[in-house]
């Protein structure tokens, strides 16, 4: 059975180490849960003040302002991502392009996820920069990958991505690629 994956990547400077909303460090070496008021039920809490210095240092290292995609940018990026996905040998289910991050649920088979994400980021960047004179980064480095082994995991991941529409995300669905009945 090929595994579904929920892959997330952010815009440049949108979610830095020490962020008061909670954060993950590179390759999950450390997971710092969100502070009180942002945590899910039963999730551990942390004091954002304990990480304020880390967040300040990360902001100082930025070489350009943080990127927040406008609705027009989100539509351009979504179209570019869908077009690039059509050239890849992956099985996509849903894509959401939000103001500060992207979610993709897909099956990657033997293809390395980070390689695919790199191609997708490059395609979206080319489309977003068309006609612009900027060379500032659009995307943060890396991505977060979560495997969705069971149908229930897939359904929860799919619904999570759909919910981003309420935040103004631009969505694209490939319903014909989903092997089971899904009411989302």
Protein backbone atom coordinates (compact mmCIF):
# COMPACT_ATOMS: atom_id res chain seq x y z
CA UNK A 1 0.00 0.00 0.00
CA UNK A 2 1.31 3.45 -0.89
CA UNK A 3 1.17 5.91 1.98
CA UNK A 4 -0.54 9.28 1.80
CA UNK A 5 1.45 12.22 3.16
CA UNK A 6 0.44 15.64 4.47
CA UNK A 7 3.27 17.97 3.46
CA UNK A 8 3.49 21.55 4.68
CA UNK A 9 5.89 24.36 3.84
CA UNK A 10 5.81 28.01 4.79
CA UNK A 11 6.56 31.35 3.25
CA UNK A 12 9.83 33.05 4.05
CA UNK A 13 10.00 34.40 7.60
CA UNK A 14 6.45 33.42 8.47
CA UNK A 15 7.21 30.89 11.20
CA UNK A 16 10.57 31.19 12.92
CA UNK A 17 12.20 29.24 15.75
CA UNK A 18 10.96 30.61 19.05
CA UNK A 19 7.62 31.68 17.55
CA UNK A 20 5.11 32.34 20.34
CA UNK A 21 2.56 30.14 18.50
CA UNK A 22 4.77 27.09 19.08
CA UNK A 23 7.27 25.63 16.61
CA UNK A 24 9.26 22.63 15.44
CA UNK A 25 12.98 22.65 15.03
CA UNK A 26 14.84 21.13 12.08
CA UNK A 27 14.05 17.46 11.57
CA UNK A 28 11.89 17.38 14.71
CA UNK A 29 14.85 17.48 17.07
CA UNK A 30 12.67 19.57 19.32
CA UNK A 31 8.94 20.19 19.28
CA UNK A 32 7.78 23.15 21.29
CA UNK A 33 3.99 23.08 21.68
CA UNK A 34 1.86 26.22 21.53
CA UNK A 35 1.21 28.46 24.53
CA UNK A 36 -1.98 28.46 26.54
CA UNK A 37 -4.95 29.52 24.41
CA UNK A 38 -3.50 28.01 21.22
CA UNK A 39 -2.94 24.43 22.39
CA UNK A 40 -5.28 21.57 21.60
CA UNK A 41 -7.02 19.83 24.49
CA UNK A 42 -4.51 17.86 26.54
CA UNK A 43 -1.50 19.20 24.63
CA UNK A 44 1.41 20.35 26.78
CA UNK A 45 2.00 24.08 27.08
CA UNK A 46 5.09 26.26 27.15
CA UNK A 47 5.95 29.77 28.17
CA UNK A 48 6.70 31.84 25.02
CA UNK A 49 8.91 34.17 27.07
CA UNK A 50 11.39 31.31 27.50
CA UNK A 51 11.93 31.33 23.72
CA UNK A 52 11.73 35.09 23.09
CA UNK A 53 15.50 35.43 22.66
CA UNK A 54 15.59 32.58 20.13
CA UNK A 55 12.78 34.25 18.18
CA UNK A 56 14.53 37.65 18.28
CA UNK A 57 17.78 36.11 16.93
CA UNK A 58 15.88 34.31 14.15
CA UNK A 59 14.19 37.58 13.11
CA UNK A 60 17.57 39.34 13.02
CA UNK A 61 18.90 36.71 10.58
CA UNK A 62 16.14 37.39 8.02
CA UNK A 63 17.56 38.82 4.80
CA UNK A 64 14.18 40.11 3.58
CA UNK A 65 10.80 40.93 5.13
CA UNK A 66 8.50 37.99 5.96
CA UNK A 67 6.30 36.97 3.02
CA UNK A 68 2.51 37.10 3.26
CA UNK A 69 0.77 35.99 0.07
CA UNK A 70 -2.08 38.16 -1.17
CA UNK A 71 -5.19 36.50 -2.59
CA UNK A 72 -3.82 37.14 -6.10
CA UNK A 73 -0.47 35.60 -5.07
CA UNK A 74 -2.25 32.56 -3.63
CA UNK A 75 -4.16 32.03 -6.87
CA UNK A 76 -0.98 32.40 -8.98
CA UNK A 77 0.95 30.03 -6.71
CA UNK A 78 -1.88 27.47 -6.67
CA UNK A 79 -2.10 27.45 -10.48
CA UNK A 80 1.67 27.05 -10.77
CA UNK A 81 1.72 24.24 -8.21
CA UNK A 82 -1.12 22.36 -9.93
CA UNK A 83 0.63 22.72 -13.31
CA UNK A 84 3.91 21.41 -11.88
CA UNK A 85 2.18 18.54 -10.05
CA UNK A 86 0.72 17.48 -13.42
CA UNK A 87 4.33 16.87 -14.60
CA UNK A 88 5.30 14.75 -11.60
CA UNK A 89 4.69 11.09 -10.92
CA UNK A 90 2.82 11.63 -7.67
CA UNK A 91 -0.83 11.08 -6.78
CA UNK A 92 -2.24 14.32 -5.34
CA UNK A 93 -5.47 14.56 -3.35
CA UNK A 94 -5.72 18.19 -2.23
CA UNK A 95 -3.68 21.38 -2.17
CA UNK A 96 -4.22 24.55 -0.12
CA UNK A 97 -2.26 27.76 -0.58
CA UNK A 98 -2.76 30.05 2.42
CA UNK A 99 -1.28 33.45 3.31
CA UNK A 100 1.81 32.01 4.95
CA UNK A 101 1.96 28.31 4.11
CA UNK A 102 1.00 25.50 1.73
CA UNK A 103 -0.49 22.08 2.48
CA UNK A 104 -0.41 19.17 0.03
CA UNK A 105 -1.86 15.71 0.60
CA UNK A 106 -0.39 13.26 -1.89
CA UNK A 107 1.19 9.87 -2.46
CA UNK A 108 4.84 10.07 -3.51
CA UNK A 109 5.70 6.40 -4.07
CA UNK A 110 9.48 6.11 -4.46
CA UNK A 111 10.01 9.83 -5.19
CA UNK A 112 11.71 11.83 -2.45
CA UNK A 113 9.24 14.27 -0.93
CA UNK A 114 11.82 17.02 -0.33
CA UNK A 115 12.83 16.86 -4.01
CA UNK A 116 9.20 17.27 -5.08
CA UNK A 117 8.67 20.17 -2.68
CA UNK A 118 11.79 21.87 -4.05
CA UNK A 119 10.41 21.61 -7.59
CA UNK A 120 7.01 22.89 -6.47
CA UNK A 121 8.50 25.86 -4.61
CA UNK A 122 10.62 26.74 -7.66
CA UNK A 123 7.62 26.59 -10.01
CA UNK A 124 5.49 28.78 -7.74
CA UNK A 125 8.35 31.25 -7.26
CA UNK A 126 8.86 31.58 -11.03
CA UNK A 127 5.17 32.34 -11.51
CA UNK A 128 5.03 34.79 -8.61
CA UNK A 129 8.12 36.66 -9.83
CA UNK A 130 7.02 36.87 -13.46
CA UNK A 131 7.53 40.51 -14.39
CA UNK A 132 8.77 41.44 -10.90
CA UNK A 133 12.28 42.66 -10.23
CA UNK A 134 12.66 41.06 -6.80
CA UNK A 135 15.01 38.24 -5.96
CA UNK A 136 13.89 38.06 -2.32
CA UNK A 137 13.06 34.55 -1.11
CA UNK A 138 9.44 33.44 -1.29
CA UNK A 139 9.57 30.20 0.73
CA UNK A 140 11.20 29.10 3.96
CA UNK A 141 13.68 26.26 3.68
CA UNK A 142 12.49 22.71 4.20
CA UNK A 143 9.06 21.28 4.80
CA UNK A 144 7.16 19.24 7.36
CA UNK A 145 5.98 15.75 6.39
CA UNK A 146 3.37 13.68 8.21
CA UNK A 147 2.48 10.18 7.02
CA UNK A 148 -1.20 9.26 6.82
CA UNK A 149 -1.16 5.46 6.99
CA UNK A 150 -4.80 4.73 7.76
CA UNK A 151 -7.94 5.90 5.98
CA UNK A 152 -8.93 7.77 9.16
CA UNK A 153 -5.58 9.62 9.09
CA UNK A 154 -6.13 10.54 5.44
CA UNK A 155 -9.66 11.76 6.17
CA UNK A 156 -8.47 13.88 9.10
CA UNK A 157 -5.60 15.32 7.04
CA UNK A 158 -7.87 16.03 4.08
CA UNK A 159 -10.42 17.80 6.30
CA UNK A 160 -7.64 19.79 7.96
CA UNK A 161 -6.53 21.10 4.57
CA UNK A 162 -10.12 21.88 3.50
CA UNK A 163 -10.62 23.92 6.71
CA UNK A 164 -7.98 26.38 5.46
CA UNK A 165 -10.58 27.72 3.02
CA UNK A 166 -12.08 29.54 6.03
CA UNK A 167 -8.76 31.39 6.42
CA UNK A 168 -8.79 32.48 2.78
CA UNK A 169 -6.69 29.66 1.35
CA UNK A 170 -7.02 28.79 -2.33
CA UNK A 171 -7.83 25.07 -2.70
CA UNK A 172 -7.48 22.55 -5.50
CA UNK A 173 -8.84 18.98 -5.22
CA UNK A 174 -8.08 15.87 -7.26
CA UNK A 175 -11.08 13.79 -6.17
CA UNK A 176 -10.54 11.14 -8.86
CA UNK A 177 -7.29 10.11 -7.11
CA UNK A 178 -8.97 9.13 -3.85
CA UNK A 179 -9.56 5.37 -3.74
CA UNK A 180 -12.29 5.32 -1.10
CA UNK A 181 -15.47 7.24 -0.49
CA UNK A 182 -14.76 10.58 1.09
CA UNK A 183 -17.35 13.15 2.02
CA UNK A 184 -15.32 16.33 2.49
